[in-house]
Amino acid sequence: MVFVSGGPYRIPADLEPTASWWDCGEYISTAYKLQVGHPPGAPTFQLLGRFFSLLAFGNTANVAMMINAMSAVVSALTIGFLFWTITMLARKIVKTDGNYTLSQAIAIFGSSFVGAMAFTFSDSFWFSALKAKFMHYHRFLPAITFWAILKWEQVAGEKHDLRWLILIAFLIGLSIGIHLLNLLAIPAVTFVYYFRKFKPTRKGMMMAGLYLY
């Protein structure tokens, strides 16, 4: 990783030190001043961006860089949750009692690593991962939402298992203040809940699908 100097910081060369020539400048300025961006707006993004702008410690030359750094942090968290999600799904494919052989462990974590890295270095993800744009949040929120329903599926029926469903409802509500893409996680959440709580039938699957509408 190549680093460049940026005031009192040393930042990765790929991280935008200022603003790109598209919506990023608007998002940086509206987050810093807590103003209203173009419709439909992204109030949650503005609040989180304002928090990261405080890490510039009054040096306005570093405000843009700090808000861009928020994108990098959230993008990294997205890959982390993607890795854990693939790990949980791979464990279901292996189907053991929790005692894994070395080859099974390598297969599980290896597939998770390859899947996460393939998404990390995809053009669409990398292009916006280090810039002040809401795109990293509309990837992060579905990633953590789907991870949360898989965590619920593991502990369903235990005490306090509803906290995961409450977290999912909170995340979906929070995402409305950034981007509507997280609504696409609702069908996945619905079917995971259905298959965990009910004996699956063709009619039941159709009814679960109809409830989404």
C-alpha atoms as a PDB file:
ATOM      1  CA  MET A   1       0.000   0.000   0.000  1.00  0.00           C
ATOM      2  CA  VAL A   2       1.425   3.354  -1.031  1.00  0.00           C
ATOM      3  CA  PHE A   3       0.960   6.212   1.424  1.00  0.00           C
ATOM      4  CA  VAL A   4       0.979   9.946   0.795  1.00  0.00           C
ATOM      5  CA  SER A   5       1.181  12.792   3.249  1.00  0.00           C
ATOM      6  CA  GLY A   6      -2.028  14.644   4.049  1.00  0.00           C
ATOM      7  CA  GLY A   7      -1.504  17.288   6.724  1.00  0.00           C
ATOM      8  CA  PRO A   8      -0.853  15.505  10.009  1.00  0.00           C
ATOM      9  CA  TYR A   9      -2.035  12.203   8.504  1.00  0.00           C
ATOM     10  CA  ARG A  10      -0.491   9.595   6.240  1.00  0.00           C
ATOM     11  CA  ILE A  11      -3.257   8.236   4.037  1.00  0.00           C
ATOM     12  CA  PRO A  12      -3.496   5.482   1.394  1.00  0.00           C
ATOM     13  CA  ALA A  13      -2.905   6.846  -2.095  1.00  0.00           C
ATOM     14  CA  ASP A  14      -6.258   5.424  -3.252  1.00  0.00           C
ATOM     15  CA  LEU A  15      -8.204   7.406  -0.626  1.00  0.00           C
ATOM     16  CA  GLU A  16      -9.592  10.655  -2.025  1.00  0.00           C
ATOM     17  CA  PRO A  17      -7.812  13.550  -0.239  1.00  0.00           C
ATOM     18  CA  THR A  18     -10.458  16.055  -1.389  1.00  0.00           C
ATOM     19  CA  ALA A  19     -13.548  15.661  -3.594  1.00  0.00           C
ATOM     20  CA  SER A  20     -14.236  13.882  -6.851  1.00  0.00           C
ATOM     21  CA  TRP A  21     -16.026  15.599  -9.718  1.00  0.00           C
ATOM     22  CA  TRP A  22     -19.488  14.196  -9.043  1.00  0.00           C
ATOM     23  CA  ASP A  23     -21.841  14.097  -6.025  1.00  0.00           C
ATOM     24  CA  CYS A  24     -19.004  13.648  -3.532  1.00  0.00           C
ATOM     25  CA  GLY A  25     -18.386  17.385  -3.114  1.00  0.00           C
ATOM     26  CA  GLU A  26     -22.057  17.961  -2.345  1.00  0.00           C
ATOM     27  CA  TYR A  27     -22.153  15.149   0.208  1.00  0.00           C
ATOM     28  CA  ILE A  28     -18.991  16.397   1.909  1.00  0.00           C
ATOM     29  CA  SER A  29     -20.228  19.981   2.195  1.00  0.00           C
ATOM     30  CA  THR A  30     -23.738  19.067   3.328  1.00  0.00           C
ATOM     31  CA  ALA A  31     -22.394  16.605   5.903  1.00  0.00           C
ATOM     32  CA  TYR A  32     -19.891  19.120   7.253  1.00  0.00           C
ATOM     33  CA  LYS A  33     -22.500  21.896   7.582  1.00  0.00           C
ATOM     34  CA  LEU A  34     -25.461  19.564   8.275  1.00  0.00           C
ATOM     35  CA  GLN A  35     -27.341  20.994   5.322  1.00  0.00           C
ATOM     36  CA  VAL A  36     -29.888  19.443   2.975  1.00  0.00           C
ATOM     37  CA  GLY A  37     -28.611  17.650  -0.106  1.00  0.00           C
ATOM     38  CA  HIS A  38     -30.470  16.894  -3.309  1.00  0.00           C
ATOM     39  CA  PRO A  39     -33.751  14.958  -3.022  1.00  0.00           C
ATOM     40  CA  PRO A  40     -34.605  12.584  -1.537  1.00  0.00           C
ATOM     41  CA  GLY A  41     -31.779  13.421   0.863  1.00  0.00           C
ATOM     42  CA  ALA A  42     -29.708  11.198   3.122  1.00  0.00           C
ATOM     43  CA  PRO A  43     -29.994  12.505   6.708  1.00  0.00           C
ATOM     44  CA  THR A  44     -28.379   9.469   8.332  1.00  0.00           C
ATOM     45  CA  PHE A  45     -25.409   9.818   6.018  1.00  0.00           C
ATOM     46  CA  GLN A  46     -25.113  13.526   6.846  1.00  0.00           C
ATOM     47  CA  LEU A  47     -25.078  12.848  10.588  1.00  0.00           C
ATOM     48  CA  LEU A  48     -22.450  10.119  10.313  1.00  0.00           C
ATOM     49  CA  GLY A  49     -20.406  12.244   7.925  1.00  0.00           C
ATOM     50  CA  ARG A  50     -20.541  15.141  10.380  1.00  0.00           C
ATOM     51  CA  PHE A  51     -19.194  12.857  13.101  1.00  0.00           C
ATOM     52  CA  PHE A  52     -16.222  11.835  10.952  1.00  0.00           C
ATOM     53  CA  SER A  53     -15.606  15.469   9.969  1.00  0.00           C
ATOM     54  CA  LEU A  54     -14.954  16.217  13.650  1.00  0.00           C
ATOM     55  CA  LEU A  55     -11.876  13.983  13.399  1.00  0.00           C
ATOM     56  CA  ALA A  56     -10.271  16.766  11.348  1.00  0.00           C
ATOM     57  CA  PHE A  57     -10.003  18.634  14.679  1.00  0.00           C
ATOM     58  CA  GLY A  58     -10.868  22.010  13.195  1.00  0.00           C
ATOM     59  CA  ASN A  59      -8.545  21.783  10.181  1.00  0.00           C
ATOM     60  CA  THR A  60     -10.961  22.310   7.295  1.00  0.00           C
ATOM     61  CA  ALA A  61      -8.316  21.121   4.823  1.00  0.00           C
ATOM     62  CA  ASN A  62      -8.788  17.603   6.214  1.00  0.00           C
ATOM     63  CA  VAL A  63     -12.595  17.556   6.438  1.00  0.00           C
ATOM     64  CA  ALA A  64     -13.078  15.994   3.000  1.00  0.00           C
ATOM     65  CA  MET A  65     -10.417  13.392   3.692  1.00  0.00           C
ATOM     66  CA  MET A  66     -12.070  12.372   6.978  1.00  0.00           C
ATOM     67  CA  ILE A  67     -15.489  11.961   5.353  1.00  0.00           C
ATOM     68  CA  ASN A  68     -13.852   9.950   2.575  1.00  0.00           C
ATOM     69  CA  ALA A  69     -12.218   7.860   5.289  1.00  0.00           C
ATOM     70  CA  MET A  70     -15.699   7.086   6.599  1.00  0.00           C
ATOM     71  CA  SER A  71     -16.422   5.439   3.271  1.00  0.00           C
ATOM     72  CA  ALA A  72     -13.287   3.348   3.584  1.00  0.00           C
ATOM     73  CA  VAL A  73     -14.198   2.209   7.110  1.00  0.00           C
ATOM     74  CA  VAL A  74     -17.768   1.303   6.156  1.00  0.00           C
ATOM     75  CA  SER A  75     -16.560  -0.484   3.021  1.00  0.00           C
ATOM     76  CA  ALA A  76     -14.131  -2.534   5.100  1.00  0.00           C
ATOM     77  CA  LEU A  77     -16.942  -3.472   7.492  1.00  0.00           C
ATOM     78  CA  THR A  78     -19.045  -4.549   4.503  1.00  0.00           C
ATOM     79  CA  ILE A  79     -16.364  -7.015   3.447  1.00  0.00           C
ATOM     80  CA  GLY A  80     -16.067  -8.270   7.018  1.00  0.00           C
ATOM     81  CA  PHE A  81     -19.783  -9.029   7.273  1.00  0.00           C
ATOM     82  CA  LEU A  82     -19.725 -10.614   3.813  1.00  0.00           C
ATOM     83  CA  PHE A  83     -16.910 -12.911   4.962  1.00  0.00           C
ATOM     84  CA  TRP A  84     -18.843 -13.953   8.090  1.00  0.00           C
ATOM     85  CA  THR A  85     -22.027 -14.495   6.081  1.00  0.00           C
ATOM     86  CA  ILE A  86     -20.306 -16.802   3.580  1.00  0.00           C
ATOM     87  CA  THR A  87     -18.721 -18.641   6.511  1.00  0.00           C
ATOM     88  CA  MET A  88     -22.124 -19.335   8.081  1.00  0.00           C
ATOM     89  CA  LEU A  89     -23.586 -20.492   4.765  1.00  0.00           C
ATOM     90  CA  ALA A  90     -20.566 -22.712   4.051  1.00  0.00           C
ATOM     91  CA  ARG A  91     -20.960 -24.375   7.449  1.00  0.00           C
ATOM     92  CA  LYS A  92     -24.498 -25.351   6.466  1.00  0.00           C
ATOM     93  CA  ILE A  93     -23.181 -26.984   3.313  1.00  0.00           C
ATOM     94  CA  VAL A  94     -20.559 -28.970   5.227  1.00  0.00           C
ATOM     95  CA  LYS A  95     -23.177 -30.058   7.812  1.00  0.00           C
ATOM     96  CA  THR A  96     -21.193 -31.303  10.779  1.00  0.00           C
ATOM     97  CA  ASP A  97     -21.824 -31.258  14.516  1.00  0.00           C
ATOM     98  CA  GLY A  98     -19.330 -28.428  14.928  1.00  0.00           C
ATOM     99  CA  ASN A  99     -16.184 -30.555  14.884  1.00  0.00           C
ATOM    100  CA  TYR A 100     -14.477 -29.719  11.616  1.00  0.00           C
ATOM    101  CA  THR A 101     -11.542 -31.467  10.056  1.00  0.00           C
ATOM    102  CA  LEU A 102      -8.633 -29.432   8.774  1.00  0.00           C
ATOM    103  CA  SER A 103      -9.755 -29.831   5.167  1.00  0.00           C
ATOM    104  CA  GLN A 104     -13.303 -28.744   6.042  1.00  0.00           C
ATOM    105  CA  ALA A 105     -12.029 -25.682   7.905  1.00  0.00           C
ATOM    106  CA  ILE A 106      -9.816 -24.756   4.952  1.00  0.00           C
ATOM    107  CA  ALA A 107     -12.774 -25.168   2.577  1.00  0.00           C
ATOM    108  CA  ILE A 108     -15.053 -23.013   4.735  1.00  0.00           C
ATOM    109  CA  PHE A 109     -12.659 -20.168   5.413  1.00  0.00           C
ATOM    110  CA  GLY A 110     -11.033 -20.407   2.003  1.00  0.00           C
ATOM    111  CA  SER A 111     -14.349 -20.028   0.177  1.00  0.00           C
ATOM    112  CA  SER A 112     -15.291 -17.147   2.471  1.00  0.00           C
ATOM    113  CA  PHE A 113     -11.993 -15.394   1.813  1.00  0.00           C
ATOM    114  CA  VAL A 114     -12.215 -15.851  -1.955  1.00  0.00           C
ATOM    115  CA  GLY A 115     -15.817 -14.616  -2.048  1.00  0.00           C
ATOM    116  CA  ALA A 116     -15.078 -11.576   0.091  1.00  0.00           C
ATOM    117  CA  MET A 117     -11.947 -10.658  -1.856  1.00  0.00           C
ATOM    118  CA  ALA A 118     -13.699 -11.090  -5.209  1.00  0.00           C
ATOM    119  CA  PHE A 119     -16.258  -8.504  -4.135  1.00  0.00           C
ATOM    120  CA  THR A 120     -13.601  -6.247  -2.589  1.00  0.00           C
ATOM    121  CA  PHE A 121     -11.690  -5.812  -5.830  1.00  0.00           C
ATOM    122  CA  SER A 122     -14.691  -5.723  -8.146  1.00  0.00           C
ATOM    123  CA  ASP A 123     -14.797  -2.516 -10.155  1.00  0.00           C
ATOM    124  CA  SER A 124     -18.174  -1.284  -8.915  1.00  0.00           C
ATOM    125  CA  PHE A 125     -17.271  -1.761  -5.249  1.00  0.00           C
ATOM    126  CA  TRP A 126     -13.710  -0.430  -5.343  1.00  0.00           C
ATOM    127  CA  PHE A 127     -14.675   2.625  -7.426  1.00  0.00           C
ATOM    128  CA  SER A 128     -16.853   4.096  -4.682  1.00  0.00           C
ATOM    129  CA  ALA A 129     -15.309   2.490  -1.602  1.00  0.00           C
ATOM    130  CA  LEU A 130     -12.949   5.384  -0.893  1.00  0.00           C
ATOM    131  CA  LYS A 131     -15.134   8.353  -1.827  1.00  0.00           C
ATOM    132  CA  ALA A 132     -17.776  10.294   0.107  1.00  0.00           C
ATOM    133  CA  LYS A 133     -20.893   8.702  -1.364  1.00  0.00           C
ATOM    134  CA  PHE A 134     -23.814   6.788   0.087  1.00  0.00           C
ATOM    135  CA  MET A 135     -23.050   3.742  -2.079  1.00  0.00           C
ATOM    136  CA  HIS A 136     -20.860   2.116   0.552  1.00  0.00           C
ATOM    137  CA  TYR A 137     -23.735   2.326   3.035  1.00  0.00           C
ATOM    138  CA  HIS A 138     -26.236   0.763   0.660  1.00  0.00           C
ATOM    139  CA  ARG A 139     -23.875  -2.211   0.458  1.00  0.00           C
ATOM    140  CA  PHE A 140     -23.040  -2.283   4.160  1.00  0.00           C
ATOM    141  CA  LEU A 141     -26.627  -2.212   5.458  1.00  0.00           C
ATOM    142  CA  PRO A 142     -27.883  -5.219   3.424  1.00  0.00           C
ATOM    143  CA  ALA A 143     -24.695  -7.069   4.374  1.00  0.00           C
ATOM    144  CA  ILE A 144     -25.190  -6.587   8.110  1.00  0.00           C
ATOM    145  CA  THR A 145     -28.953  -7.184   7.821  1.00  0.00           C
ATOM    146  CA  PHE A 146     -28.512 -10.560   6.143  1.00  0.00           C
ATOM    147  CA  TRP A 147     -25.750 -11.474   8.602  1.00  0.00           C
ATOM    148  CA  ALA A 148     -28.103 -10.607  11.469  1.00  0.00           C
ATOM    149  CA  ILE A 149     -30.894 -12.880  10.218  1.00  0.00           C
ATOM    150  CA  LEU A 150     -28.402 -15.736   9.922  1.00  0.00           C
ATOM    151  CA  LYS A 151     -27.301 -15.043  13.512  1.00  0.00           C
ATOM    152  CA  TRP A 152     -30.956 -15.153  14.560  1.00  0.00           C
ATOM    153  CA  GLU A 153     -31.415 -18.440  12.697  1.00  0.00           C
ATOM    154  CA  GLN A 154     -28.627 -19.965  14.789  1.00  0.00           C
ATOM    155  CA  VAL A 155     -30.207 -19.000  18.123  1.00  0.00           C
ATOM    156  CA  ALA A 156     -33.924 -19.097  17.223  1.00  0.00           C
ATOM    157  CA  GLY A 157     -35.924 -20.475  20.124  1.00  0.00           C
ATOM    158  CA  GLU A 158     -33.388 -19.447  22.716  1.00  0.00           C
ATOM    159  CA  LYS A 159     -33.885 -16.719  25.301  1.00  0.00           C
ATOM    160  CA  HIS A 160     -33.609 -13.171  23.922  1.00  0.00           C
ATOM    161  CA  ASP A 161     -33.456 -14.387  20.320  1.00  0.00           C
ATOM    162  CA  LEU A 162     -35.837 -11.571  19.314  1.00  0.00           C
ATOM    163  CA  ARG A 163     -33.074  -9.015  19.804  1.00  0.00           C
ATOM    164  CA  TRP A 164     -31.713  -9.991  16.388  1.00  0.00           C
ATOM    165  CA  LEU A 165     -35.076  -9.350  14.731  1.00  0.00           C
ATOM    166  CA  ILE A 166     -35.311  -6.006  16.532  1.00  0.00           C
ATOM    167  CA  LEU A 167     -31.837  -5.149  15.264  1.00  0.00           C
ATOM    168  CA  ILE A 168     -32.920  -6.003  11.718  1.00  0.00           C
ATOM    169  CA  ALA A 169     -35.992  -3.768  11.997  1.00  0.00           C
ATOM    170  CA  PHE A 170     -33.785  -0.953  13.314  1.00  0.00           C
ATOM    171  CA  LEU A 171     -31.281  -1.365  10.476  1.00  0.00           C
ATOM    172  CA  ILE A 172     -34.004  -1.325   7.822  1.00  0.00           C
ATOM    173  CA  GLY A 173     -35.523   1.797   9.353  1.00  0.00           C
ATOM    174  CA  LEU A 174     -32.099   3.438   9.632  1.00  0.00           C
ATOM    175  CA  SER A 175     -31.328   2.640   6.011  1.00  0.00           C
ATOM    176  CA  ILE A 176     -34.279   4.747   4.835  1.00  0.00           C
ATOM    177  CA  GLY A 177     -32.204   7.783   5.814  1.00  0.00           C
ATOM    178  CA  ILE A 178     -29.453   6.708   3.420  1.00  0.00           C
ATOM    179  CA  HIS A 179     -30.745   4.545   0.581  1.00  0.00           C
ATOM    180  CA  LEU A 180     -33.721   2.275  -0.127  1.00  0.00           C
ATOM    181  CA  LEU A 181     -31.607  -0.674  -1.309  1.00  0.00           C
ATOM    182  CA  ASN A 182     -31.830  -2.367   2.091  1.00  0.00           C
ATOM    183  CA  LEU A 183     -35.508  -3.043   1.389  1.00  0.00           C
ATOM    184  CA  LEU A 184     -34.258  -5.773  -0.952  1.00  0.00           C
ATOM    185  CA  ALA A 185     -33.003  -7.664   2.110  1.00  0.00           C
ATOM    186  CA  ILE A 186     -36.569  -8.054   3.408  1.00  0.00           C
ATOM    187  CA  PRO A 187     -37.446 -11.039   1.134  1.00  0.00           C
ATOM    188  CA  ALA A 188     -34.292 -12.858   2.256  1.00  0.00           C
ATOM    189  CA  VAL A 189     -35.098 -12.130   5.903  1.00  0.00           C
ATOM    190  CA  THR A 190     -38.680 -13.322   5.399  1.00  0.00           C
ATOM    191  CA  PHE A 191     -37.722 -16.655   3.868  1.00  0.00           C
ATOM    192  CA  VAL A 192     -34.992 -17.361   6.424  1.00  0.00           C
ATOM    193  CA  TYR A 193     -37.600 -16.758   9.143  1.00  0.00           C
ATOM    194  CA  TYR A 194     -40.134 -18.967   7.355  1.00  0.00           C
ATOM    195  CA  PHE A 195     -37.783 -21.905   6.830  1.00  0.00           C
ATOM    196  CA  ARG A 196     -36.583 -21.718  10.435  1.00  0.00           C
ATOM    197  CA  LYS A 197     -39.996 -21.422  12.081  1.00  0.00           C
ATOM    198  CA  PHE A 198     -42.236 -23.519   9.841  1.00  0.00           C
ATOM    199  CA  LYS A 199     -42.163 -26.786   7.971  1.00  0.00           C
ATOM    200  CA  PRO A 200     -41.663 -25.652   4.373  1.00  0.00           C
ATOM    201  CA  THR A 201     -44.388 -26.437   1.851  1.00  0.00           C
ATOM    202  CA  ARG A 202     -45.148 -25.092  -1.594  1.00  0.00           C
ATOM    203  CA  LYS A 203     -48.242 -23.312  -0.317  1.00  0.00           C
ATOM    204  CA  GLY A 204     -46.373 -21.907   2.666  1.00  0.00           C
ATOM    205  CA  MET A 205     -43.614 -20.522   0.453  1.00  0.00           C
ATOM    206  CA  MET A 206     -46.193 -18.887  -1.803  1.00  0.00           C
ATOM    207  CA  MET A 207     -47.979 -17.343   1.181  1.00  0.00           C
ATOM    208  CA  ALA A 208     -44.680 -16.071   2.605  1.00  0.00           C
ATOM    209  CA  GLY A 209     -43.939 -14.490  -0.760  1.00  0.00           C
ATOM    210  CA  LEU A 210     -47.389 -12.898  -0.934  1.00  0.00           C
ATOM    211  CA  TYR A 211     -46.954 -11.353   2.504  1.00  0.00           C
ATOM    212  CA  LEU A 212     -44.030  -9.390   1.096  1.00  0.00           C
ATOM    213  CA  TYR A 213     -46.460  -7.505  -1.109  1.00  0.00           C
END
